[in-house]
Amino acid sequence: NIRGKEVKYLGKEAFCSECGNEFFVS
């Protein structure tokens, strides 16, 4: 939500190949 409007986009997420959890990658 930016300036009162929902902005949709295609993003990425990182998932650990060992434990399968999502985690932060800069």
mmCIF file of all heavy atoms, coordinates in Angstrom:
data_MODEL
# 
_entry.id   MODEL 
# 
loop_
_atom_site.group_PDB 
_atom_site.id 
_atom_site.type_symbol 
_atom_site.label_atom_id 
_atom_site.label_alt_id 
_atom_site.label_comp_id 
_atom_site.label_asym_id 
_atom_site.label_entity_id 
_atom_site.label_seq_id 
_atom_site.pdbx_PDB_ins_code 
_atom_site.Cartn_x 
_atom_site.Cartn_y 
_atom_site.Cartn_z 
_atom_site.occupancy 
_atom_site.B_iso_or_equiv 
_atom_site.pdbx_formal_charge 
_atom_site.auth_seq_id 
_atom_site.auth_comp_id 
_atom_site.auth_asym_id 
_atom_site.auth_atom_id 
_atom_site.pdbx_PDB_model_num 
ATOM 1   N N   . ASN A 1 1  ? 0.847  -1.177  0.000   1.00 0.00 ? 1  ASN A N   1 
ATOM 2   C CA  . ASN A 1 1  ? 0.000  0.000   0.000   1.00 0.00 ? 1  ASN A CA  1 
ATOM 3   C C   . ASN A 1 1  ? 0.890  1.238   0.000   1.00 0.00 ? 1  ASN A C   1 
ATOM 4   O O   . ASN A 1 1  ? 1.650  1.459   0.943   1.00 0.00 ? 1  ASN A O   1 
ATOM 5   C CB  . ASN A 1 1  ? -0.915 -0.015  1.230   1.00 0.00 ? 1  ASN A CB  1 
ATOM 6   C CG  . ASN A 1 1  ? -1.972 1.044   1.151   1.00 0.00 ? 1  ASN A CG  1 
ATOM 7   O OD1 . ASN A 1 1  ? -1.714 2.182   0.788   1.00 0.00 ? 1  ASN A OD1 1 
ATOM 8   N ND2 . ASN A 1 1  ? -3.181 0.668   1.500   1.00 0.00 ? 1  ASN A ND2 1 
ATOM 9   N N   . ILE A 1 2  ? 0.788  2.028   -1.068  1.00 0.00 ? 2  ILE A N   1 
ATOM 10  C CA  . ILE A 1 2  ? 1.579  3.257   -1.195  1.00 0.00 ? 2  ILE A CA  1 
ATOM 11  C C   . ILE A 1 2  ? 0.624  4.400   -1.480  1.00 0.00 ? 2  ILE A C   1 
ATOM 12  O O   . ILE A 1 2  ? -0.145 4.359   -2.439  1.00 0.00 ? 2  ILE A O   1 
ATOM 13  C CB  . ILE A 1 2  ? 2.618  3.151   -2.329  1.00 0.00 ? 2  ILE A CB  1 
ATOM 14  C CG1 . ILE A 1 2  ? 3.580  2.004   -2.066  1.00 0.00 ? 2  ILE A CG1 1 
ATOM 15  C CG2 . ILE A 1 2  ? 3.372  4.469   -2.474  1.00 0.00 ? 2  ILE A CG2 1 
ATOM 16  C CD1 . ILE A 1 2  ? 4.578  1.757   -3.177  1.00 0.00 ? 2  ILE A CD1 1 
ATOM 17  N N   . ARG A 1 3  ? 0.671  5.407   -0.625  1.00 0.00 ? 3  ARG A N   1 
ATOM 18  C CA  . ARG A 1 3  ? -0.184 6.596   -0.762  1.00 0.00 ? 3  ARG A CA  1 
ATOM 19  C C   . ARG A 1 3  ? -1.653 6.224   -0.904  1.00 0.00 ? 3  ARG A C   1 
ATOM 20  O O   . ARG A 1 3  ? -2.378 6.792   -1.705  1.00 0.00 ? 3  ARG A O   1 
ATOM 21  C CB  . ARG A 1 3  ? 0.265  7.449   -1.943  1.00 0.00 ? 3  ARG A CB  1 
ATOM 22  C CG  . ARG A 1 3  ? 1.648  8.010   -1.789  1.00 0.00 ? 3  ARG A CG  1 
ATOM 23  C CD  . ARG A 1 3  ? 1.996  8.915   -2.923  1.00 0.00 ? 3  ARG A CD  1 
ATOM 24  N NE  . ARG A 1 3  ? 3.383  9.313   -2.805  1.00 0.00 ? 3  ARG A NE  1 
ATOM 25  C CZ  . ARG A 1 3  ? 4.079  9.866   -3.776  1.00 0.00 ? 3  ARG A CZ  1 
ATOM 26  N NH1 . ARG A 1 3  ? 3.516  10.103  -4.940  1.00 0.00 ? 3  ARG A NH1 1 
ATOM 27  N NH2 . ARG A 1 3  ? 5.332  10.202  -3.594  1.00 0.00 ? 3  ARG A NH2 1 
ATOM 28  N N   . GLY A 1 4  ? -2.071 5.228   -0.143  1.00 0.00 ? 4  GLY A N   1 
ATOM 29  C CA  . GLY A 1 4  ? -3.470 4.828   -0.122  1.00 0.00 ? 4  GLY A CA  1 
ATOM 30  C C   . GLY A 1 4  ? -3.904 3.928   -1.258  1.00 0.00 ? 4  GLY A C   1 
ATOM 31  O O   . GLY A 1 4  ? -5.074 3.587   -1.362  1.00 0.00 ? 4  GLY A O   1 
ATOM 32  N N   . LYS A 1 5  ? -2.981 3.530   -2.126  1.00 0.00 ? 5  LYS A N   1 
ATOM 33  C CA  . LYS A 1 5  ? -3.329 2.649   -3.235  1.00 0.00 ? 5  LYS A CA  1 
ATOM 34  C C   . LYS A 1 5  ? -2.513 1.374   -3.163  1.00 0.00 ? 5  LYS A C   1 
ATOM 35  O O   . LYS A 1 5  ? -1.311 1.400   -2.909  1.00 0.00 ? 5  LYS A O   1 
ATOM 36  C CB  . LYS A 1 5  ? -3.061 3.339   -4.567  1.00 0.00 ? 5  LYS A CB  1 
ATOM 37  C CG  . LYS A 1 5  ? -3.450 2.468   -5.732  1.00 0.00 ? 5  LYS A CG  1 
ATOM 38  C CD  . LYS A 1 5  ? -3.302 3.160   -7.048  1.00 0.00 ? 5  LYS A CD  1 
ATOM 39  C CE  . LYS A 1 5  ? -3.780 2.185   -8.119  1.00 0.00 ? 5  LYS A CE  1 
ATOM 40  N NZ  . LYS A 1 5  ? -3.334 2.519   -9.427  1.00 0.00 ? 5  LYS A NZ  1 
ATOM 41  N N   . GLU A 1 6  ? -3.184 0.243   -3.389  1.00 0.00 ? 6  GLU A N   1 
ATOM 42  C CA  . GLU A 1 6  ? -2.495 -1.041  -3.396  1.00 0.00 ? 6  GLU A CA  1 
ATOM 43  C C   . GLU A 1 6  ? -1.763 -1.204  -4.727  1.00 0.00 ? 6  GLU A C   1 
ATOM 44  O O   . GLU A 1 6  ? -2.369 -1.115  -5.792  1.00 0.00 ? 6  GLU A O   1 
ATOM 45  C CB  . GLU A 1 6  ? -3.486 -2.178  -3.195  1.00 0.00 ? 6  GLU A CB  1 
ATOM 46  C CG  . GLU A 1 6  ? -2.823 -3.531  -3.124  1.00 0.00 ? 6  GLU A CG  1 
ATOM 47  C CD  . GLU A 1 6  ? -3.808 -4.660  -2.921  1.00 0.00 ? 6  GLU A CD  1 
ATOM 48  O OE1 . GLU A 1 6  ? -5.014 -4.457  -3.135  1.00 0.00 ? 6  GLU A OE1 1 
ATOM 49  O OE2 . GLU A 1 6  ? -3.355 -5.742  -2.555  1.00 0.00 ? 6  GLU A OE2 1 
ATOM 50  N N   . VAL A 1 7  ? -0.450 -1.429  -4.649  1.00 0.00 ? 7  VAL A N   1 
ATOM 51  C CA  . VAL A 1 7  ? 0.372  -1.636  -5.836  1.00 0.00 ? 7  VAL A CA  1 
ATOM 52  C C   . VAL A 1 7  ? 0.793  -3.099  -5.853  1.00 0.00 ? 7  VAL A C   1 
ATOM 53  O O   . VAL A 1 7  ? 1.392  -3.587  -4.900  1.00 0.00 ? 7  VAL A O   1 
ATOM 54  C CB  . VAL A 1 7  ? 1.621  -0.719  -5.819  1.00 0.00 ? 7  VAL A CB  1 
ATOM 55  C CG1 . VAL A 1 7  ? 2.493  -0.968  -7.032  1.00 0.00 ? 7  VAL A CG1 1 
ATOM 56  C CG2 . VAL A 1 7  ? 1.211  0.740   -5.717  1.00 0.00 ? 7  VAL A CG2 1 
ATOM 57  N N   . LYS A 1 8  ? 0.466  -3.794  -6.950  1.00 0.00 ? 8  LYS A N   1 
ATOM 58  C CA  . LYS A 1 8  ? 0.817  -5.209  -7.080  1.00 0.00 ? 8  LYS A CA  1 
ATOM 59  C C   . LYS A 1 8  ? 2.017  -5.341  -8.006  1.00 0.00 ? 8  LYS A C   1 
ATOM 60  O O   . LYS A 1 8  ? 2.132  -4.616  -8.991  1.00 0.00 ? 8  LYS A O   1 
ATOM 61  C CB  . LYS A 1 8  ? -0.358 -6.002  -7.636  1.00 0.00 ? 8  LYS A CB  1 
ATOM 62  C CG  . LYS A 1 8  ? -1.532 -6.027  -6.687  1.00 0.00 ? 8  LYS A CG  1 
ATOM 63  C CD  . LYS A 1 8  ? -2.657 -6.845  -7.245  1.00 0.00 ? 8  LYS A CD  1 
ATOM 64  C CE  . LYS A 1 8  ? -3.821 -6.836  -6.255  1.00 0.00 ? 8  LYS A CE  1 
ATOM 65  N NZ  . LYS A 1 8  ? -4.936 -7.624  -6.721  1.00 0.00 ? 8  LYS A NZ  1 
ATOM 66  N N   . TYR A 1 9  ? 2.884  -6.289  -7.671  1.00 0.00 ? 9  TYR A N   1 
ATOM 67  C CA  . TYR A 1 9  ? 4.075  -6.532  -8.487  1.00 0.00 ? 9  TYR A CA  1 
ATOM 68  C C   . TYR A 1 9  ? 4.529  -7.971  -8.297  1.00 0.00 ? 9  TYR A C   1 
ATOM 69  O O   . TYR A 1 9  ? 4.134  -8.647  -7.360  1.00 0.00 ? 9  TYR A O   1 
ATOM 70  C CB  . TYR A 1 9  ? 5.191  -5.555  -8.121  1.00 0.00 ? 9  TYR A CB  1 
ATOM 71  C CG  . TYR A 1 9  ? 5.724  -5.708  -6.714  1.00 0.00 ? 9  TYR A CG  1 
ATOM 72  C CD1 . TYR A 1 9  ? 6.923  -6.364  -6.488  1.00 0.00 ? 9  TYR A CD1 1 
ATOM 73  C CD2 . TYR A 1 9  ? 5.040  -5.203  -5.613  1.00 0.00 ? 9  TYR A CD2 1 
ATOM 74  C CE1 . TYR A 1 9  ? 7.426  -6.511  -5.192  1.00 0.00 ? 9  TYR A CE1 1 
ATOM 75  C CE2 . TYR A 1 9  ? 5.525  -5.340  -4.331  1.00 0.00 ? 9  TYR A CE2 1 
ATOM 76  C CZ  . TYR A 1 9  ? 6.720  -6.000  -4.129  1.00 0.00 ? 9  TYR A CZ  1 
ATOM 77  O OH  . TYR A 1 9  ? 7.212  -6.159  -2.862  1.00 0.00 ? 9  TYR A OH  1 
ATOM 78  N N   . LEU A 1 10 ? 5.361  -8.429  -9.221  1.00 0.00 ? 10 LEU A N   1 
ATOM 79  C CA  . LEU A 1 10 ? 5.906  -9.770  -9.142  1.00 0.00 ? 10 LEU A CA  1 
ATOM 80  C C   . LEU A 1 10 ? 7.271  -9.683  -8.471  1.00 0.00 ? 10 LEU A C   1 
ATOM 81  O O   . LEU A 1 10 ? 8.193  -9.055  -8.993  1.00 0.00 ? 10 LEU A O   1 
ATOM 82  C CB  . LEU A 1 10 ? 6.030  -10.382 -10.539 1.00 0.00 ? 10 LEU A CB  1 
ATOM 83  C CG  . LEU A 1 10 ? 6.305  -11.863 -10.607 1.00 0.00 ? 10 LEU A CG  1 
ATOM 84  C CD1 . LEU A 1 10 ? 5.199  -12.662 -9.911  1.00 0.00 ? 10 LEU A CD1 1 
ATOM 85  C CD2 . LEU A 1 10 ? 6.424  -12.309 -12.055 1.00 0.00 ? 10 LEU A CD2 1 
ATOM 86  N N   . GLY A 1 11 ? 7.383  -10.279 -7.292  1.00 0.00 ? 11 GLY A N   1 
ATOM 87  C CA  . GLY A 1 11 ? 8.617  -10.229 -6.525  1.00 0.00 ? 11 GLY A CA  1 
ATOM 88  C C   . GLY A 1 11 ? 9.213  -11.614 -6.327  1.00 0.00 ? 11 GLY A C   1 
ATOM 89  O O   . GLY A 1 11 ? 8.697  -12.608 -6.839  1.00 0.00 ? 11 GLY A O   1 
ATOM 90  N N   . LYS A 1 12 ? 10.293 -11.648 -5.584  1.00 0.00 ? 12 LYS A N   1 
ATOM 91  C CA  . LYS A 1 12 ? 10.971 -12.909 -5.293  1.00 0.00 ? 12 LYS A CA  1 
ATOM 92  C C   . LYS A 1 12 ? 11.005 -13.149 -3.790  1.00 0.00 ? 12 LYS A C   1 
ATOM 93  O O   . LYS A 1 12 ? 10.963 -12.206 -3.006  1.00 0.00 ? 12 LYS A O   1 
ATOM 94  C CB  . LYS A 1 12 ? 12.419 -12.880 -5.796  1.00 0.00 ? 12 LYS A CB  1 
ATOM 95  C CG  . LYS A 1 12 ? 12.556 -12.836 -7.288  1.00 0.00 ? 12 LYS A CG  1 
ATOM 96  C CD  . LYS A 1 12 ? 14.025 -12.843 -7.679  1.00 0.00 ? 12 LYS A CD  1 
ATOM 97  C CE  . LYS A 1 12 ? 14.214 -12.774 -9.172  1.00 0.00 ? 12 LYS A CE  1 
ATOM 98  N NZ  . LYS A 1 12 ? 15.655 -12.756 -9.527  1.00 0.00 ? 12 LYS A NZ  1 
ATOM 99  N N   . GLU A 1 13 ? 11.129 -14.422 -3.417  1.00 0.00 ? 13 GLU A N   1 
ATOM 100 C CA  . GLU A 1 13 ? 11.369 -14.824 -2.034  1.00 0.00 ? 13 GLU A CA  1 
ATOM 101 C C   . GLU A 1 13 ? 12.456 -15.886 -2.051  1.00 0.00 ? 13 GLU A C   1 
ATOM 102 O O   . GLU A 1 13 ? 12.580 -16.638 -3.017  1.00 0.00 ? 13 GLU A O   1 
ATOM 103 C CB  . GLU A 1 13 ? 10.100 -15.380 -1.391  1.00 0.00 ? 13 GLU A CB  1 
ATOM 104 C CG  . GLU A 1 13 ? 9.036  -14.334 -1.185  1.00 0.00 ? 13 GLU A CG  1 
ATOM 105 C CD  . GLU A 1 13 ? 7.754  -14.873 -0.583  1.00 0.00 ? 13 GLU A CD  1 
ATOM 106 O OE1 . GLU A 1 13 ? 7.588  -16.111 -0.477  1.00 0.00 ? 13 GLU A OE1 1 
ATOM 107 O OE2 . GLU A 1 13 ? 6.898  -14.053 -0.231  1.00 0.00 ? 13 GLU A OE2 1 
ATOM 108 N N   . ALA A 1 14 ? 13.248 -15.938 -0.982  1.00 0.00 ? 14 ALA A N   1 
ATOM 109 C CA  . ALA A 1 14 ? 14.335 -16.922 -0.869  1.00 0.00 ? 14 ALA A CA  1 
ATOM 110 C C   . ALA A 1 14 ? 13.954 -17.982 0.145   1.00 0.00 ? 14 ALA A C   1 
ATOM 111 O O   . ALA A 1 14 ? 13.454 -17.671 1.227   1.00 0.00 ? 14 ALA A O   1 
ATOM 112 C CB  . ALA A 1 14 ? 15.622 -16.235 -0.427  1.00 0.00 ? 14 ALA A CB  1 
ATOM 113 N N   . PHE A 1 15 ? 14.215 -19.249 -0.223  1.00 0.00 ? 15 PHE A N   1 
ATOM 114 C CA  . PHE A 1 15 ? 13.928 -20.369 0.664   1.00 0.00 ? 15 PHE A CA  1 
ATOM 115 C C   . PHE A 1 15 ? 15.183 -21.216 0.818   1.00 0.00 ? 15 PHE A C   1 
ATOM 116 O O   . PHE A 1 15 ? 15.820 -21.592 -0.166  1.00 0.00 ? 15 PHE A O   1 
ATOM 117 C CB  . PHE A 1 15 ? 12.788 -21.222 0.117   1.00 0.00 ? 15 PHE A CB  1 
ATOM 118 C CG  . PHE A 1 15 ? 11.471 -20.513 0.149   1.00 0.00 ? 15 PHE A CG  1 
ATOM 119 C CD1 . PHE A 1 15 ? 11.065 -19.730 -0.915  1.00 0.00 ? 15 PHE A CD1 1 
ATOM 120 C CD2 . PHE A 1 15 ? 10.654 -20.604 1.259   1.00 0.00 ? 15 PHE A CD2 1 
ATOM 121 C CE1 . PHE A 1 15 ? 9.862  -19.053 -0.885  1.00 0.00 ? 15 PHE A CE1 1 
ATOM 122 C CE2 . PHE A 1 15 ? 9.437  -19.932 1.307   1.00 0.00 ? 15 PHE A CE2 1 
ATOM 123 C CZ  . PHE A 1 15 ? 9.040  -19.150 0.228   1.00 0.00 ? 15 PHE A CZ  1 
ATOM 124 N N   . CYS A 1 16 ? 15.541 -21.499 2.049   1.00 0.00 ? 16 CYS A N   1 
ATOM 125 C CA  . CYS A 1 16 ? 16.729 -22.283 2.373   1.00 0.00 ? 16 CYS A CA  1 
ATOM 126 C C   . CYS A 1 16 ? 16.600 -23.688 1.798   1.00 0.00 ? 16 CYS A C   1 
ATOM 127 O O   . CYS A 1 16 ? 15.574 -24.348 1.962   1.00 0.00 ? 16 CYS A O   1 
ATOM 128 C CB  . CYS A 1 16 ? 16.887 -22.344 3.892   1.00 0.00 ? 16 CYS A CB  1 
ATOM 129 S SG  . CYS A 1 16 ? 18.251 -23.388 4.447   1.00 0.00 ? 16 CYS A SG  1 
ATOM 130 N N   . SER A 1 17 ? 17.662 -24.159 1.146   1.00 0.00 ? 17 SER A N   1 
ATOM 131 C CA  . SER A 1 17 ? 17.633 -25.515 0.591   1.00 0.00 ? 17 SER A CA  1 
ATOM 132 C C   . SER A 1 17 ? 17.852 -26.573 1.670   1.00 0.00 ? 17 SER A C   1 
ATOM 133 O O   . SER A 1 17 ? 17.602 -27.749 1.439   1.00 0.00 ? 17 SER A O   1 
ATOM 134 C CB  . SER A 1 17 ? 18.680 -25.660 -0.511  1.00 0.00 ? 17 SER A CB  1 
ATOM 135 O OG  . SER A 1 17 ? 19.966 -25.434 0.002   1.00 0.00 ? 17 SER A OG  1 
ATOM 136 N N   . GLU A 1 18 ? 18.291 -26.169 2.862   1.00 0.00 ? 18 GLU A N   1 
ATOM 137 C CA  . GLU A 1 18 ? 18.502 -27.116 3.966   1.00 0.00 ? 18 GLU A CA  1 
ATOM 138 C C   . GLU A 1 18 ? 17.240 -27.297 4.811   1.00 0.00 ? 18 GLU A C   1 
ATOM 139 O O   . GLU A 1 18 ? 16.774 -28.399 5.013   1.00 0.00 ? 18 GLU A O   1 
ATOM 140 C CB  . GLU A 1 18 ? 19.654 -26.644 4.862   1.00 0.00 ? 18 GLU A CB  1 
ATOM 141 C CG  . GLU A 1 18 ? 20.996 -26.550 4.159   1.00 0.00 ? 18 GLU A CG  1 
ATOM 142 C CD  . GLU A 1 18 ? 21.514 -27.898 3.705   1.00 0.00 ? 18 GLU A CD  1 
ATOM 143 O OE1 . GLU A 1 18 ? 21.357 -28.877 4.471   1.00 0.00 ? 18 GLU A OE1 1 
ATOM 144 O OE2 . GLU A 1 18 ? 22.056 -27.970 2.592   1.00 0.00 ? 18 GLU A OE2 1 
ATOM 145 N N   . CYS A 1 19 ? 16.689 -26.178 5.327   1.00 0.00 ? 19 CYS A N   1 
ATOM 146 C CA  . CYS A 1 19 ? 15.543 -26.282 6.242   1.00 0.00 ? 19 CYS A CA  1 
ATOM 147 C C   . CYS A 1 19 ? 14.206 -25.927 5.580   1.00 0.00 ? 19 CYS A C   1 
ATOM 148 O O   . CYS A 1 19 ? 13.158 -26.187 6.156   1.00 0.00 ? 19 CYS A O   1 
ATOM 149 C CB  . CYS A 1 19 ? 15.765 -25.403 7.470   1.00 0.00 ? 19 CYS A CB  1 
ATOM 150 S SG  . CYS A 1 19 ? 15.704 -23.626 7.144   1.00 0.00 ? 19 CYS A SG  1 
ATOM 151 N N   . GLY A 1 20 ? 14.255 -25.302 4.413   1.00 0.00 ? 20 GLY A N   1 
ATOM 152 C CA  . GLY A 1 20 ? 13.028 -24.969 3.696   1.00 0.00 ? 20 GLY A CA  1 
ATOM 153 C C   . GLY A 1 20 ? 12.356 -23.680 4.122   1.00 0.00 ? 20 GLY A C   1 
ATOM 154 O O   . GLY A 1 20 ? 11.360 -23.273 3.531   1.00 0.00 ? 20 GLY A O   1 
ATOM 155 N N   . ASN A 1 21 ? 12.884 -23.006 5.144   1.00 0.00 ? 21 ASN A N   1 
ATOM 156 C CA  . ASN A 1 21 ? 12.284 -21.765 5.613   1.00 0.00 ? 21 ASN A CA  1 
ATOM 157 C C   . ASN A 1 21 ? 12.630 -20.606 4.694   1.00 0.00 ? 21 ASN A C   1 
ATOM 158 O O   . ASN A 1 21 ? 13.697 -20.559 4.097   1.00 0.00 ? 21 ASN A O   1 
ATOM 159 C CB  . ASN A 1 21 ? 12.776 -21.430 7.020   1.00 0.00 ? 21 ASN A CB  1 
ATOM 160 C CG  . ASN A 1 21 ? 12.145 -22.303 8.069   1.00 0.00 ? 21 ASN A CG  1 
ATOM 161 O OD1 . ASN A 1 21 ? 10.937 -22.402 8.159   1.00 0.00 ? 21 ASN A OD1 1 
ATOM 162 N ND2 . ASN A 1 21 ? 12.982 -22.950 8.866   1.00 0.00 ? 21 ASN A ND2 1 
ATOM 163 N N   . GLU A 1 22 ? 11.703 -19.639 4.631   1.00 0.00 ? 22 GLU A N   1 
ATOM 164 C CA  . GLU A 1 22 ? 11.986 -18.397 3.930   1.00 0.00 ? 22 GLU A CA  1 
ATOM 165 C C   . GLU A 1 22 ? 12.954 -17.578 4.786   1.00 0.00 ? 22 GLU A C   1 
ATOM 166 O O   . GLU A 1 22 ? 12.848 -17.570 6.018   1.00 0.00 ? 22 GLU A O   1 
ATOM 167 C CB  . GLU A 1 22 ? 10.697 -17.607 3.718   1.00 0.00 ? 22 GLU A CB  1 
ATOM 168 C CG  . GLU A 1 22 ? 10.922 -16.311 2.981   1.00 0.00 ? 22 GLU A CG  1 
ATOM 169 C CD  . GLU A 1 22 ? 9.650  -15.509 2.795   1.00 0.00 ? 22 GLU A CD  1 
ATOM 170 O OE1 . GLU A 1 22 ? 8.567  -15.960 3.211   1.00 0.00 ? 22 GLU A OE1 1 
ATOM 171 O OE2 . GLU A 1 22 ? 9.756  -14.412 2.235   1.00 0.00 ? 22 GLU A OE2 1 
ATOM 172 N N   . PHE A 1 23 ? 13.896 -16.897 4.146   1.00 0.00 ? 23 PHE A N   1 
ATOM 173 C CA  . PHE A 1 23 ? 14.814 -16.056 4.899   1.00 0.00 ? 23 PHE A CA  1 
ATOM 174 C C   . PHE A 1 23 ? 15.243 -14.852 4.080   1.00 0.00 ? 23 PHE A C   1 
ATOM 175 O O   . PHE A 1 23 ? 15.006 -14.781 2.879   1.00 0.00 ? 23 PHE A O   1 
ATOM 176 C CB  . PHE A 1 23 ? 16.011 -16.848 5.444   1.00 0.00 ? 23 PHE A CB  1 
ATOM 177 C CG  . PHE A 1 23 ? 16.980 -17.355 4.395   1.00 0.00 ? 23 PHE A CG  1 
ATOM 178 C CD1 . PHE A 1 23 ? 18.202 -16.733 4.211   1.00 0.00 ? 23 PHE A CD1 1 
ATOM 179 C CD2 . PHE A 1 23 ? 16.682 -18.462 3.625   1.00 0.00 ? 23 PHE A CD2 1 
ATOM 180 C CE1 . PHE A 1 23 ? 19.098 -17.195 3.265   1.00 0.00 ? 23 PHE A CE1 1 
ATOM 181 C CE2 . PHE A 1 23 ? 17.576 -18.939 2.686   1.00 0.00 ? 23 PHE A CE2 1 
ATOM 182 C CZ  . PHE A 1 23 ? 18.785 -18.304 2.498   1.00 0.00 ? 23 PHE A CZ  1 
ATOM 183 N N   . PHE A 1 24 ? 15.838 -13.875 4.757   1.00 0.00 ? 24 PHE A N   1 
ATOM 184 C CA  . PHE A 1 24 ? 16.207 -12.601 4.157   1.00 0.00 ? 24 PHE A CA  1 
ATOM 185 C C   . PHE A 1 24 ? 17.490 -12.718 3.340   1.00 0.00 ? 24 PHE A C   1 
ATOM 186 O O   . PHE A 1 24 ? 18.492 -13.247 3.810   1.00 0.00 ? 24 PHE A O   1 
ATOM 187 C CB  . PHE A 1 24 ? 16.410 -11.553 5.266   1.00 0.00 ? 24 PHE A CB  1 
ATOM 188 C CG  . PHE A 1 24 ? 16.892 -10.231 4.741   1.00 0.00 ? 24 PHE A CG  1 
ATOM 189 C CD1 . PHE A 1 24 ? 15.994 -9.336  4.190   1.00 0.00 ? 24 PHE A CD1 1 
ATOM 190 C CD2 . PHE A 1 24 ? 18.228 -9.899  4.783   1.00 0.00 ? 24 PHE A CD2 1 
ATOM 191 C CE1 . PHE A 1 24 ? 16.433 -8.118  3.692   1.00 0.00 ? 24 PHE A CE1 1 
ATOM 192 C CE2 . PHE A 1 24 ? 18.681 -8.692  4.303   1.00 0.00 ? 24 PHE A CE2 1 
ATOM 193 C CZ  . PHE A 1 24 ? 17.779 -7.798  3.752   1.00 0.00 ? 24 PHE A CZ  1 
ATOM 194 N N   . VAL A 1 25 ? 17.435 -12.193 2.104   1.00 0.00 ? 25 VAL A N   1 
ATOM 195 C CA  . VAL A 1 25 ? 18.612 -12.077 1.247   1.00 0.00 ? 25 VAL A CA  1 
ATOM 196 C C   . VAL A 1 25 ? 18.591 -10.653 0.695   1.00 0.00 ? 25 VAL A C   1 
ATOM 197 O O   . VAL A 1 25 ? 17.617 -10.244 0.052   1.00 0.00 ? 25 VAL A O   1 
ATOM 198 C CB  . VAL A 1 25 ? 18.582 -13.111 0.103   1.00 0.00 ? 25 VAL A CB  1 
ATOM 199 C CG1 . VAL A 1 25 ? 19.748 -12.908 -0.844  1.00 0.00 ? 25 VAL A CG1 1 
ATOM 200 C CG2 . VAL A 1 25 ? 18.583 -14.527 0.659   1.00 0.00 ? 25 VAL A CG2 1 
ATOM 201 N N   . SER A 1 26 ? 19.640 -9.886  0.937   1.00 0.00 ? 26 SER A N   1 
ATOM 202 C CA  . SER A 1 26 ? 19.641 -8.475  0.567   1.00 0.00 ? 26 SER A CA  1 
ATOM 203 C C   . SER A 1 26 ? 19.473 -8.252  -0.933  1.00 0.00 ? 26 SER A C   1 
ATOM 204 O O   . SER A 1 26 ? 18.801 -7.310  -1.353  1.00 0.00 ? 26 SER A O   1 
ATOM 205 C CB  . SER A 1 26 ? 20.900 -7.774  1.083   1.00 0.00 ? 26 SER A CB  1 
ATOM 206 O OG  . SER A 1 26 ? 22.048 -8.343  0.501   1.00 0.00 ? 26 SER A OG  1 
# 
